[in-house]
């Protein structure tokens, strides 16, 4: 017969209980497999990641960030989308619009010109390029760009029409009217538009 000292008995019992609880936690259901709490709406902990579901489209995430005014995050999302697929006109236009929102006019102009070179058929890209040109003081080129956007759009977009009117009015009255803080509308593909205001 094995003799166990009475002082070691509580220690060994505690060690065995800890070992059993640890093994139960390592099982597939965790401690809930043995009658613990299951996931419920009242549970304060975040649910796990559903790996069976498809991820959200990176371009759509970037457009949502643009609508929220989070231009830096939108640039990151557009860059991730470009790495996932390819650098097309929509991504270049989005990057240009985000840079315009941050006041980076030189970068915005280059990206929007690249977008126009890739795809000349989208009036939204032409409109956004016109907004950058207006901001940079290139009124004559901005007018031509807005006219091109308006022609491609067949006059359906209010934002493009308003931008063309503003560019024409600004060039006609450039000598007599001092510069005002005008706001131009950026247009994205699909629904919705972005309003870019000068930073104050």
N, C-alpha and C. Protein backbone atom coordinates (compact mmCIF):
# COMPACT_ATOMS: atom_id res chain seq x y z
N UNK A 1 0.83 -1.16 0.00
CA UNK A 1 0.00 0.00 0.00
C UNK A 1 0.89 1.25 0.00
N UNK A 2 0.42 2.29 -0.75
CA UNK A 2 1.19 3.53 -0.88
C UNK A 2 0.76 4.48 0.23
N UNK A 3 1.73 5.05 0.83
CA UNK A 3 1.45 5.98 1.91
C UNK A 3 1.64 7.41 1.41
N UNK A 4 0.54 8.26 1.49
CA UNK A 4 0.60 9.67 1.08
C UNK A 4 0.50 10.51 2.33
N UNK A 5 1.48 11.37 2.56
CA UNK A 5 1.40 12.22 3.75
C UNK A 5 0.17 13.12 3.68
N UNK A 6 -0.44 13.40 4.82
CA UNK A 6 -1.67 14.19 4.88
C UNK A 6 -1.47 15.63 4.42
N UNK A 7 -0.27 16.17 4.57
CA UNK A 7 -0.02 17.54 4.12
C UNK A 7 0.03 17.63 2.60
N UNK A 8 0.42 16.62 1.88
CA UNK A 8 0.54 16.65 0.42
C UNK A 8 -0.79 16.40 -0.26
N UNK A 9 -1.76 15.86 0.44
CA UNK A 9 -3.04 15.53 -0.16
C UNK A 9 -3.78 16.76 -0.74
N UNK A 10 -3.95 17.87 -0.03
CA UNK A 10 -4.63 19.03 -0.62
C UNK A 10 -3.87 19.60 -1.82
N UNK A 11 -2.55 19.59 -1.78
CA UNK A 11 -1.77 20.10 -2.90
C UNK A 11 -1.98 19.25 -4.15
N UNK A 12 -1.94 17.92 -3.98
CA UNK A 12 -2.13 17.02 -5.12
C UNK A 12 -3.56 17.11 -5.66
N UNK A 13 -4.52 17.28 -4.79
CA UNK A 13 -5.90 17.42 -5.21
C UNK A 13 -6.08 18.70 -6.04
N UNK A 14 -5.50 19.79 -5.60
CA UNK A 14 -5.58 21.06 -6.34
C UNK A 14 -4.87 20.95 -7.68
N UNK A 15 -3.74 20.25 -7.72
CA UNK A 15 -3.00 20.05 -8.96
C UNK A 15 -3.82 19.24 -9.95
N UNK A 16 -4.48 18.19 -9.48
CA UNK A 16 -5.32 17.35 -10.36
C UNK A 16 -6.51 18.15 -10.90
N UNK A 17 -7.14 18.98 -10.07
CA UNK A 17 -8.29 19.78 -10.52
C UNK A 17 -7.85 20.81 -11.57
N UNK A 18 -6.70 21.42 -11.37
CA UNK A 18 -6.18 22.38 -12.34
C UNK A 18 -5.88 21.69 -13.66
N UNK A 19 -5.30 20.51 -13.61
CA UNK A 19 -4.99 19.74 -14.81
C UNK A 19 -6.26 19.37 -15.57
N UNK A 20 -7.28 18.94 -14.87
CA UNK A 20 -8.56 18.56 -15.50
C UNK A 20 -9.20 19.79 -16.13
N UNK A 21 -9.21 20.93 -15.45
CA UNK A 21 -9.79 22.16 -16.00
C UNK A 21 -9.02 22.62 -17.23
N UNK A 22 -7.70 22.50 -17.20
CA UNK A 22 -6.89 22.88 -18.36
C UNK A 22 -7.17 22.00 -19.56
N UNK A 23 -7.30 20.71 -19.34
CA UNK A 23 -7.61 19.80 -20.45
C UNK A 23 -9.01 20.06 -20.99
N UNK A 24 -9.94 20.38 -20.13
CA UNK A 24 -11.31 20.68 -20.58
C UNK A 24 -11.32 21.94 -21.44
N UNK A 25 -10.52 22.92 -21.09
CA UNK A 25 -10.47 24.16 -21.88
C UNK A 25 -9.84 23.93 -23.24
N UNK A 26 -8.99 22.91 -23.36
CA UNK A 26 -8.35 22.61 -24.64
C UNK A 26 -9.24 21.81 -25.57
N UNK A 27 -10.37 21.33 -25.11
CA UNK A 27 -11.25 20.54 -25.96
C UNK A 27 -11.90 21.43 -27.02
N UNK A 28 -12.54 20.83 -28.02
CA UNK A 28 -13.11 21.56 -29.15
C UNK A 28 -14.15 22.57 -28.72
N UNK A 29 -14.98 22.26 -27.73
CA UNK A 29 -16.01 23.18 -27.28
C UNK A 29 -15.56 24.06 -26.14
N UNK A 30 -14.32 23.92 -25.69
CA UNK A 30 -13.85 24.68 -24.55
C UNK A 30 -14.59 24.27 -23.30
N UNK A 31 -14.67 25.13 -22.35
CA UNK A 31 -15.38 24.82 -21.12
C UNK A 31 -16.88 24.74 -21.34
N UNK A 32 -17.38 25.33 -22.44
CA UNK A 32 -18.82 25.29 -22.71
C UNK A 32 -19.27 23.87 -23.06
N UNK A 33 -18.37 23.03 -23.49
CA UNK A 33 -18.73 21.65 -23.81
C UNK A 33 -19.13 20.89 -22.56
N UNK A 34 -18.73 21.39 -21.40
CA UNK A 34 -19.04 20.73 -20.15
C UNK A 34 -20.08 21.50 -19.34
N UNK A 35 -21.00 22.17 -20.03
CA UNK A 35 -22.09 22.85 -19.34
C UNK A 35 -21.81 24.30 -19.03
N UNK A 36 -20.76 24.89 -19.58
CA UNK A 36 -20.49 26.31 -19.37
C UNK A 36 -21.43 27.16 -20.21
N UNK A 37 -21.24 28.47 -20.19
CA UNK A 37 -22.10 29.37 -20.95
C UNK A 37 -21.79 29.27 -22.43
N UNK A 38 -22.83 29.18 -23.21
CA UNK A 38 -22.67 29.21 -24.66
C UNK A 38 -22.77 30.65 -25.13
N UNK A 39 -22.38 30.89 -26.40
CA UNK A 39 -22.44 32.25 -26.94
C UNK A 39 -23.88 32.73 -26.96
N UNK A 40 -24.10 33.92 -26.47
CA UNK A 40 -25.43 34.49 -26.44
C UNK A 40 -25.34 35.97 -26.77
N UNK A 41 -26.48 36.58 -27.06
CA UNK A 41 -26.44 38.02 -27.34
C UNK A 41 -25.98 38.84 -26.15
N UNK A 42 -26.12 38.30 -24.95
CA UNK A 42 -25.70 39.03 -23.76
C UNK A 42 -24.21 38.89 -23.48
N UNK A 43 -23.53 38.05 -24.24
CA UNK A 43 -22.11 37.82 -24.03
C UNK A 43 -21.33 39.09 -24.42
N UNK A 44 -20.50 39.64 -23.55
CA UNK A 44 -19.79 40.88 -23.88
C UNK A 44 -18.60 40.69 -24.80
N UNK A 45 -18.21 39.46 -25.09
CA UNK A 45 -17.03 39.23 -25.89
C UNK A 45 -17.37 39.23 -27.38
N UNK A 46 -16.42 39.67 -28.19
CA UNK A 46 -16.63 39.75 -29.64
C UNK A 46 -16.72 38.34 -30.22
N UNK A 47 -17.53 38.18 -31.26
CA UNK A 47 -17.61 36.87 -31.90
C UNK A 47 -16.34 36.58 -32.69
N UNK A 48 -16.14 35.35 -33.02
CA UNK A 48 -14.98 34.97 -33.79
C UNK A 48 -15.09 35.42 -35.24
N UNK A 49 -14.04 35.25 -36.00
CA UNK A 49 -14.01 35.63 -37.40
C UNK A 49 -14.65 34.52 -38.23
N UNK A 50 -15.56 34.90 -39.11
CA UNK A 50 -16.19 33.95 -40.00
C UNK A 50 -15.33 33.83 -41.25
N UNK A 51 -14.52 32.78 -41.31
CA UNK A 51 -13.60 32.61 -42.43
C UNK A 51 -14.28 32.06 -43.67
N UNK A 52 -15.53 31.62 -43.55
CA UNK A 52 -16.24 31.08 -44.70
C UNK A 52 -16.84 32.17 -45.56
N UNK A 53 -16.94 33.39 -45.06
CA UNK A 53 -17.55 34.48 -45.78
C UNK A 53 -16.49 35.23 -46.60
N UNK A 54 -16.91 35.77 -47.76
CA UNK A 54 -16.00 36.55 -48.59
C UNK A 54 -15.73 37.91 -47.97
N UNK A 55 -14.54 38.43 -48.21
CA UNK A 55 -14.18 39.75 -47.69
C UNK A 55 -14.88 40.83 -48.53
N UNK A 56 -15.06 41.98 -47.94
CA UNK A 56 -15.67 43.12 -48.64
C UNK A 56 -14.71 43.61 -49.72
N UNK A 57 -15.27 44.09 -50.83
CA UNK A 57 -14.47 44.61 -51.94
C UNK A 57 -13.68 45.83 -51.48
N UNK A 58 -12.38 45.84 -51.75
CA UNK A 58 -11.52 46.92 -51.29
C UNK A 58 -11.87 48.27 -51.88
N UNK A 59 -12.32 48.31 -53.13
CA UNK A 59 -12.70 49.57 -53.75
C UNK A 59 -13.94 50.14 -53.07
N UNK A 60 -14.89 49.27 -52.75
CA UNK A 60 -16.11 49.73 -52.07
C UNK A 60 -15.77 50.27 -50.67
N UNK A 61 -14.87 49.61 -49.99
CA UNK A 61 -14.44 50.10 -48.67
C UNK A 61 -13.80 51.48 -48.81
N UNK A 62 -12.97 51.65 -49.83
CA UNK A 62 -12.30 52.94 -50.04
C UNK A 62 -13.33 54.03 -50.34
N UNK A 63 -14.35 53.72 -51.14
CA UNK A 63 -15.39 54.73 -51.44
C UNK A 63 -16.16 55.11 -50.17
N UNK A 64 -16.41 54.14 -49.31
CA UNK A 64 -17.09 54.45 -48.04
C UNK A 64 -16.23 55.37 -47.18
N UNK A 65 -14.93 55.12 -47.17
CA UNK A 65 -14.03 55.98 -46.41
C UNK A 65 -13.99 57.39 -47.00
N UNK A 66 -14.07 57.49 -48.31
CA UNK A 66 -14.11 58.81 -48.96
C UNK A 66 -15.37 59.56 -48.53
N UNK A 67 -16.50 58.88 -48.52
CA UNK A 67 -17.76 59.52 -48.09
C UNK A 67 -17.67 60.00 -46.64
N UNK A 68 -16.92 59.26 -45.83
CA UNK A 68 -16.77 59.62 -44.42
C UNK A 68 -15.71 60.71 -44.21
N UNK A 69 -15.01 61.09 -45.28
CA UNK A 69 -13.97 62.12 -45.15
C UNK A 69 -12.65 61.60 -44.62
N UNK A 70 -12.47 60.29 -44.61
CA UNK A 70 -11.23 59.67 -44.13
C UNK A 70 -10.32 59.41 -45.33
N UNK A 71 -9.68 60.49 -45.83
CA UNK A 71 -8.93 60.40 -47.08
C UNK A 71 -7.66 59.57 -46.95
N UNK A 72 -6.94 59.67 -45.83
CA UNK A 72 -5.73 58.86 -45.64
C UNK A 72 -6.07 57.38 -45.64
N UNK A 73 -7.12 57.01 -44.92
CA UNK A 73 -7.54 55.60 -44.88
C UNK A 73 -8.04 55.15 -46.25
N UNK A 74 -8.69 56.06 -46.97
CA UNK A 74 -9.16 55.72 -48.32
C UNK A 74 -7.99 55.44 -49.25
N UNK A 75 -6.93 56.21 -49.13
CA UNK A 75 -5.73 55.98 -49.96
C UNK A 75 -5.17 54.58 -49.67
N UNK A 76 -5.10 54.23 -48.40
CA UNK A 76 -4.61 52.89 -48.04
C UNK A 76 -5.51 51.80 -48.61
N UNK A 77 -6.82 52.01 -48.53
CA UNK A 77 -7.75 51.00 -49.05
C UNK A 77 -7.65 50.90 -50.57
N UNK A 78 -7.51 52.02 -51.26
CA UNK A 78 -7.33 51.99 -52.72
C UNK A 78 -6.03 51.28 -53.09
N UNK A 79 -4.96 51.52 -52.32
CA UNK A 79 -3.69 50.85 -52.59
C UNK A 79 -3.81 49.34 -52.39
N UNK A 80 -4.52 48.93 -51.33
CA UNK A 80 -4.73 47.49 -51.11
C UNK A 80 -5.56 46.88 -52.24
N UNK A 81 -6.57 47.62 -52.69
CA UNK A 81 -7.39 47.13 -53.80
C UNK A 81 -6.57 47.00 -55.08
N UNK A 82 -5.65 47.93 -55.29
CA UNK A 82 -4.79 47.87 -56.48
C UNK A 82 -3.85 46.66 -56.41
N UNK A 83 -3.37 46.35 -55.22
CA UNK A 83 -2.51 45.18 -55.07
C UNK A 83 -3.29 43.89 -55.26
N UNK A 84 -4.56 43.89 -54.85
CA UNK A 84 -5.38 42.69 -54.97
C UNK A 84 -5.80 42.42 -56.41
N UNK A 85 -6.01 43.45 -57.19
CA UNK A 85 -6.45 43.23 -58.58
C UNK A 85 -5.47 43.91 -59.54
N UNK A 86 -5.78 45.11 -59.95
CA UNK A 86 -4.89 45.85 -60.83
C UNK A 86 -5.18 47.33 -60.68
N UNK A 87 -4.27 48.15 -61.14
CA UNK A 87 -4.41 49.59 -61.04
C UNK A 87 -5.20 50.08 -62.24
N UNK A 88 -6.52 50.14 -62.10
CA UNK A 88 -7.37 50.58 -63.21
C UNK A 88 -7.77 52.04 -63.03
N UNK A 89 -8.59 52.53 -63.95
CA UNK A 89 -8.98 53.94 -63.94
C UNK A 89 -9.78 54.30 -62.69
N UNK A 90 -10.60 53.39 -62.21
CA UNK A 90 -11.41 53.69 -61.02
C UNK A 90 -10.53 53.87 -59.78
N UNK A 91 -9.53 53.02 -59.63
CA UNK A 91 -8.63 53.14 -58.47
C UNK A 91 -7.77 54.39 -58.59
N UNK A 92 -7.28 54.68 -59.80
CA UNK A 92 -6.49 55.90 -59.99
C UNK A 92 -7.33 57.14 -59.71
N UNK A 93 -8.57 57.13 -60.16
CA UNK A 93 -9.46 58.26 -59.91
C UNK A 93 -9.73 58.41 -58.42
N UNK A 94 -9.95 57.30 -57.73
CA UNK A 94 -10.17 57.36 -56.28
C UNK A 94 -8.95 57.88 -55.54
N UNK A 95 -7.77 57.43 -55.95
CA UNK A 95 -6.55 57.92 -55.32
C UNK A 95 -6.37 59.42 -55.56
N UNK A 96 -6.67 59.85 -56.79
CA UNK A 96 -6.58 61.28 -57.09
C UNK A 96 -7.57 62.10 -56.29
N UNK A 97 -8.79 61.60 -56.16
CA UNK A 97 -9.81 62.32 -55.38
C UNK A 97 -9.44 62.39 -53.91
N UNK A 98 -8.88 61.30 -53.37
CA UNK A 98 -8.46 61.30 -51.96
C UNK A 98 -7.32 62.29 -51.74
N UNK A 99 -6.39 62.34 -52.68
CA UNK A 99 -5.30 63.31 -52.56
C UNK A 99 -5.80 64.73 -52.67
N UNK A 100 -6.81 64.96 -53.50
CA UNK A 100 -7.42 66.28 -53.58
C UNK A 100 -8.06 66.65 -52.25
N UNK A 101 -8.73 65.70 -51.63
CA UNK A 101 -9.33 65.94 -50.32
C UNK A 101 -8.30 66.32 -49.26
N UNK A 102 -7.09 65.82 -49.41
CA UNK A 102 -6.01 66.14 -48.47
C UNK A 102 -5.24 67.40 -48.87
N UNK A 103 -5.60 67.99 -50.02
CA UNK A 103 -4.93 69.20 -50.48
C UNK A 103 -3.64 68.95 -51.24
N UNK A 104 -3.40 67.73 -51.62
CA UNK A 104 -2.20 67.37 -52.40
C UNK A 104 -2.53 67.50 -53.88
N UNK A 105 -2.55 68.73 -54.37
CA UNK A 105 -3.05 69.00 -55.71
C UNK A 105 -2.15 68.43 -56.81
N UNK A 106 -0.85 68.48 -56.62
CA UNK A 106 0.07 67.96 -57.64
C UNK A 106 -0.11 66.45 -57.82
N UNK A 107 -0.17 65.72 -56.72
CA UNK A 107 -0.37 64.27 -56.79
C UNK A 107 -1.74 63.94 -57.36
N UNK A 108 -2.74 64.71 -56.95
CA UNK A 108 -4.10 64.46 -57.43
C UNK A 108 -4.18 64.66 -58.94
N UNK A 109 -3.56 65.72 -59.44
CA UNK A 109 -3.59 65.98 -60.88
C UNK A 109 -2.92 64.86 -61.67
N UNK A 110 -1.76 64.42 -61.19
CA UNK A 110 -1.04 63.35 -61.90
C UNK A 110 -1.86 62.06 -61.93
N UNK A 111 -2.43 61.69 -60.79
CA UNK A 111 -3.22 60.46 -60.73
C UNK A 111 -4.47 60.53 -61.60
N UNK A 112 -5.13 61.68 -61.59
CA UNK A 112 -6.34 61.82 -62.40
C UNK A 112 -6.00 61.86 -63.89
N UNK A 113 -4.87 62.45 -64.26
CA UNK A 113 -4.45 62.41 -65.68
C UNK A 113 -4.14 60.97 -66.10
N UNK A 114 -3.50 60.22 -65.21
CA UNK A 114 -3.25 58.80 -65.51
C UNK A 114 -4.56 58.03 -65.66
N UNK A 115 -5.55 58.35 -64.85
CA UNK A 115 -6.85 57.68 -64.94
C UNK A 115 -7.53 57.99 -66.27
N UNK A 116 -7.42 59.24 -66.72
CA UNK A 116 -8.01 59.63 -67.99
C UNK A 116 -7.30 58.94 -69.15
N UNK A 117 -5.99 58.77 -69.04
CA UNK A 117 -5.25 58.07 -70.09
C UNK A 117 -5.67 56.60 -70.18
N UNK A 118 -5.95 55.99 -69.04
CA UNK A 118 -6.36 54.57 -69.04
C UNK A 118 -7.76 54.38 -69.58
N UNK A 119 -8.66 55.32 -69.27
CA UNK A 119 -10.05 55.19 -69.70
C UNK A 119 -10.65 56.58 -69.89
N UNK A 120 -10.86 56.96 -71.14
CA UNK A 120 -11.35 58.30 -71.45
C UNK A 120 -12.87 58.39 -71.47
N UNK A 121 -13.57 57.31 -71.19
CA UNK A 121 -15.02 57.28 -71.40
C UNK A 121 -15.84 57.62 -70.16
N UNK A 122 -15.20 57.85 -69.04
CA UNK A 122 -15.95 58.08 -67.80
C UNK A 122 -15.97 59.57 -67.46
N UNK A 123 -17.14 60.17 -67.46
CA UNK A 123 -17.23 61.61 -67.18
C UNK A 123 -16.82 61.96 -65.74
N UNK A 124 -16.96 61.01 -64.82
CA UNK A 124 -16.61 61.28 -63.43
C UNK A 124 -15.13 61.61 -63.27
N UNK A 125 -14.30 60.88 -64.02
CA UNK A 125 -12.86 61.10 -63.93
C UNK A 125 -12.50 62.46 -64.51
N UNK A 126 -13.14 62.82 -65.64
CA UNK A 126 -12.91 64.12 -66.24
C UNK A 126 -13.35 65.24 -65.30
N UNK A 127 -14.49 65.05 -64.66
CA UNK A 127 -14.98 66.05 -63.71
C UNK A 127 -14.00 66.25 -62.56
N UNK A 128 -13.51 65.17 -62.00
CA UNK A 128 -12.58 65.28 -60.87
C UNK A 128 -11.27 65.94 -61.28
N UNK A 129 -10.83 65.65 -62.51
CA UNK A 129 -9.64 66.33 -63.02
C UNK A 129 -9.91 67.83 -63.17
N UNK A 130 -11.10 68.18 -63.63
CA UNK A 130 -11.46 69.60 -63.75
C UNK A 130 -11.45 70.30 -62.40
N UNK A 131 -11.90 69.60 -61.35
CA UNK A 131 -11.88 70.19 -60.01
C UNK A 131 -10.45 70.49 -59.59
N UNK A 132 -9.53 69.57 -59.86
CA UNK A 132 -8.13 69.80 -59.50
C UNK A 132 -7.56 70.98 -60.28
N UNK A 133 -7.87 71.04 -61.56
CA UNK A 133 -7.36 72.13 -62.38
C UNK A 133 -7.90 73.48 -61.92
N UNK A 134 -9.16 73.51 -61.50
CA UNK A 134 -9.72 74.75 -60.95
C UNK A 134 -8.99 75.15 -59.68
N UNK A 135 -8.72 74.19 -58.83
CA UNK A 135 -8.02 74.47 -57.57
C UNK A 135 -6.61 74.99 -57.84
N UNK A 136 -6.00 74.53 -58.91
CA UNK A 136 -4.63 74.95 -59.24
C UNK A 136 -4.60 76.23 -60.05
N UNK A 137 -5.77 76.77 -60.38
CA UNK A 137 -5.83 78.04 -61.11
C UNK A 137 -5.69 77.91 -62.62
N UNK A 138 -5.82 76.72 -63.16
CA UNK A 138 -5.74 76.50 -64.61
C UNK A 138 -7.15 76.55 -65.18
N UNK A 139 -7.69 77.77 -65.28
CA UNK A 139 -9.10 77.94 -65.64
C UNK A 139 -9.44 77.47 -67.05
N UNK A 140 -8.59 77.80 -68.02
CA UNK A 140 -8.89 77.44 -69.41
C UNK A 140 -8.93 75.93 -69.58
N UNK A 141 -7.95 75.24 -69.05
CA UNK A 141 -7.92 73.78 -69.16
C UNK A 141 -9.05 73.14 -68.35
N UNK A 142 -9.38 73.74 -67.22
CA UNK A 142 -10.48 73.22 -66.40
C UNK A 142 -11.81 73.33 -67.15
N UNK A 143 -12.02 74.45 -67.84
CA UNK A 143 -13.25 74.60 -68.63
C UNK A 143 -13.36 73.51 -69.69
N UNK A 144 -12.27 73.27 -70.40
CA UNK A 144 -12.29 72.23 -71.43
C UNK A 144 -12.56 70.86 -70.81
N UNK A 145 -11.96 70.62 -69.67
CA UNK A 145 -12.15 69.34 -69.00
C UNK A 145 -13.59 69.17 -68.54
N UNK A 146 -14.19 70.21 -67.97
CA UNK A 146 -15.59 70.14 -67.56
C UNK A 146 -16.51 69.97 -68.76
N UNK A 147 -16.19 70.64 -69.88
CA UNK A 147 -17.00 70.48 -71.11
C UNK A 147 -16.96 69.03 -71.59
N UNK A 148 -15.77 68.44 -71.54
CA UNK A 148 -15.63 67.03 -71.94
C UNK A 148 -16.46 66.13 -71.02
N UNK A 149 -16.39 66.38 -69.71
CA UNK A 149 -17.16 65.58 -68.75
C UNK A 149 -18.65 65.75 -68.99
N UNK A 150 -19.08 66.99 -69.26
CA UNK A 150 -20.49 67.27 -69.49
C UNK A 150 -20.98 66.59 -70.77
N UNK A 151 -20.14 66.58 -71.80
CA UNK A 151 -20.50 65.93 -73.07
C UNK A 151 -20.59 64.42 -72.89
N UNK A 152 -19.65 63.84 -72.19
CA UNK A 152 -19.69 62.39 -71.97
C UNK A 152 -20.88 61.98 -71.11
N UNK A 153 -21.29 62.87 -70.21
CA UNK A 153 -22.38 62.58 -69.28
C UNK A 153 -23.76 62.87 -69.89
N UNK A 154 -23.78 63.54 -71.03
CA UNK A 154 -25.03 63.96 -71.69
C UNK A 154 -25.86 64.86 -70.80
N UNK A 155 -25.21 65.63 -69.93
CA UNK A 155 -25.91 66.58 -69.08
C UNK A 155 -26.74 65.96 -67.98
N UNK A 156 -26.51 64.70 -67.63
CA UNK A 156 -27.34 64.02 -66.63
C UNK A 156 -26.93 64.32 -65.19
N UNK A 157 -25.69 64.66 -64.96
CA UNK A 157 -25.20 64.88 -63.59
C UNK A 157 -25.29 66.35 -63.22
N UNK A 158 -25.98 66.62 -62.13
CA UNK A 158 -26.09 67.99 -61.64
C UNK A 158 -24.74 68.53 -61.19
N UNK A 159 -23.92 67.67 -60.58
CA UNK A 159 -22.62 68.10 -60.07
C UNK A 159 -21.72 68.55 -61.21
N UNK A 160 -21.70 67.80 -62.30
CA UNK A 160 -20.84 68.17 -63.43
C UNK A 160 -21.34 69.47 -64.06
N UNK A 161 -22.65 69.60 -64.20
CA UNK A 161 -23.22 70.83 -64.77
C UNK A 161 -22.90 72.03 -63.88
N UNK A 162 -23.03 71.86 -62.57
CA UNK A 162 -22.73 72.97 -61.64
C UNK A 162 -21.26 73.35 -61.70
N UNK A 163 -20.39 72.36 -61.81
CA UNK A 163 -18.96 72.65 -61.89
C UNK A 163 -18.63 73.39 -63.18
N UNK A 164 -19.26 73.01 -64.29
CA UNK A 164 -19.03 73.71 -65.56
C UNK A 164 -19.51 75.15 -65.46
N UNK A 165 -20.68 75.34 -64.89
CA UNK A 165 -21.20 76.71 -64.73
C UNK A 165 -20.27 77.56 -63.86
N UNK A 166 -19.78 76.97 -62.79
CA UNK A 166 -18.88 77.69 -61.89
C UNK A 166 -17.58 78.05 -62.59
N UNK A 167 -17.05 77.13 -63.38
CA UNK A 167 -15.80 77.41 -64.11
C UNK A 167 -16.01 78.51 -65.14
N UNK A 168 -17.13 78.47 -65.85
CA UNK A 168 -17.41 79.51 -66.84
C UNK A 168 -17.61 80.87 -66.17
N UNK A 169 -18.34 80.88 -65.08
CA UNK A 169 -18.57 82.15 -64.37
C UNK A 169 -17.27 82.70 -63.80
N UNK A 170 -16.44 81.83 -63.31
CA UNK A 170 -15.18 82.29 -62.72
C UNK A 170 -14.25 82.87 -63.78
N UNK A 171 -14.24 82.27 -64.97
CA UNK A 171 -13.36 82.80 -66.02
C UNK A 171 -13.89 84.10 -66.60
N UNK A 172 -15.22 84.26 -66.67
CA UNK A 172 -15.80 85.49 -67.19
C UNK A 172 -15.60 86.65 -66.23
N UNK A 173 -15.63 86.38 -64.95
CA UNK A 173 -15.56 87.43 -63.94
C UNK A 173 -14.26 87.39 -63.16
N UNK A 174 -13.22 86.83 -63.73
CA UNK A 174 -11.98 86.66 -62.98
C UNK A 174 -11.31 87.98 -62.64
N UNK A 175 -11.55 89.01 -63.45
CA UNK A 175 -10.91 90.30 -63.20
C UNK A 175 -11.69 91.11 -62.17
N UNK A 176 -13.01 91.04 -62.22
CA UNK A 176 -13.82 91.92 -61.38
C UNK A 176 -14.17 91.34 -60.02
N UNK A 177 -14.22 90.02 -59.89
CA UNK A 177 -14.64 89.40 -58.63
C UNK A 177 -13.43 88.78 -57.95
N UNK A 178 -13.18 89.14 -56.69
CA UNK A 178 -12.06 88.49 -55.98
C UNK A 178 -12.37 87.03 -55.73
N UNK A 179 -11.30 86.27 -55.51
CA UNK A 179 -11.48 84.84 -55.26
C UNK A 179 -12.31 84.62 -54.01
N UNK A 180 -13.26 83.72 -54.12
CA UNK A 180 -14.07 83.34 -52.99
C UNK A 180 -13.76 81.89 -52.67
N UNK A 181 -14.17 81.47 -51.50
CA UNK A 181 -13.99 80.07 -51.14
C UNK A 181 -15.11 79.27 -51.77
N UNK A 182 -14.88 78.79 -52.98
CA UNK A 182 -15.87 77.98 -53.68
C UNK A 182 -15.66 76.53 -53.32
N UNK A 183 -16.74 75.78 -53.33
CA UNK A 183 -16.61 74.34 -53.12
C UNK A 183 -17.01 73.65 -54.41
N UNK A 184 -16.25 72.66 -54.77
CA UNK A 184 -16.50 71.91 -55.98
C UNK A 184 -16.96 70.52 -55.60
N UNK A 185 -17.68 69.90 -56.49
CA UNK A 185 -18.19 68.57 -56.20
C UNK A 185 -17.37 67.54 -56.96
N UNK A 186 -16.91 66.55 -56.22
CA UNK A 186 -16.27 65.40 -56.84
C UNK A 186 -17.34 64.36 -57.10
N UNK A 187 -17.22 63.67 -58.19
CA UNK A 187 -18.21 62.65 -58.54
C UNK A 187 -17.50 61.31 -58.58
N UNK A 188 -18.11 60.31 -57.99
CA UNK A 188 -17.53 58.97 -58.07
C UNK A 188 -18.39 58.12 -58.96
N UNK A 189 -17.86 57.04 -59.42
CA UNK A 189 -18.65 56.12 -60.23
C UNK A 189 -19.76 55.53 -59.38
N UNK A 190 -20.86 55.24 -60.00
CA UNK A 190 -21.98 54.69 -59.26
C UNK A 190 -22.79 55.81 -58.64
N UNK A 191 -23.31 55.56 -57.47
CA UNK A 191 -24.18 56.55 -56.84
C UNK A 191 -23.40 57.40 -55.87
N UNK A 192 -23.89 58.60 -55.64
CA UNK A 192 -23.29 59.48 -54.65
C UNK A 192 -22.22 60.37 -55.25
N UNK A 193 -21.93 61.43 -54.53
CA UNK A 193 -20.84 62.31 -54.93
C UNK A 193 -20.11 62.75 -53.68
N UNK A 194 -18.92 63.29 -53.88
CA UNK A 194 -18.12 63.78 -52.78
C UNK A 194 -18.07 65.29 -52.89
N UNK A 195 -18.15 65.97 -51.80
CA UNK A 195 -18.02 67.41 -51.79
C UNK A 195 -16.69 67.73 -51.13
N UNK A 196 -15.82 68.38 -51.86
CA UNK A 196 -14.51 68.72 -51.34
C UNK A 196 -14.50 70.21 -51.06
N UNK A 197 -14.26 70.57 -49.81
CA UNK A 197 -14.19 71.97 -49.41
C UNK A 197 -12.75 72.29 -49.06
N UNK A 198 -12.35 73.53 -49.29
CA UNK A 198 -10.99 73.90 -48.90
C UNK A 198 -10.81 73.75 -47.38
N UNK A 199 -9.65 73.27 -46.99
CA UNK A 199 -9.37 73.07 -45.55
C UNK A 199 -9.24 74.42 -44.87
N UNK A 200 -9.83 74.53 -43.69
CA UNK A 200 -9.73 75.81 -42.98
C UNK A 200 -8.90 75.68 -41.74
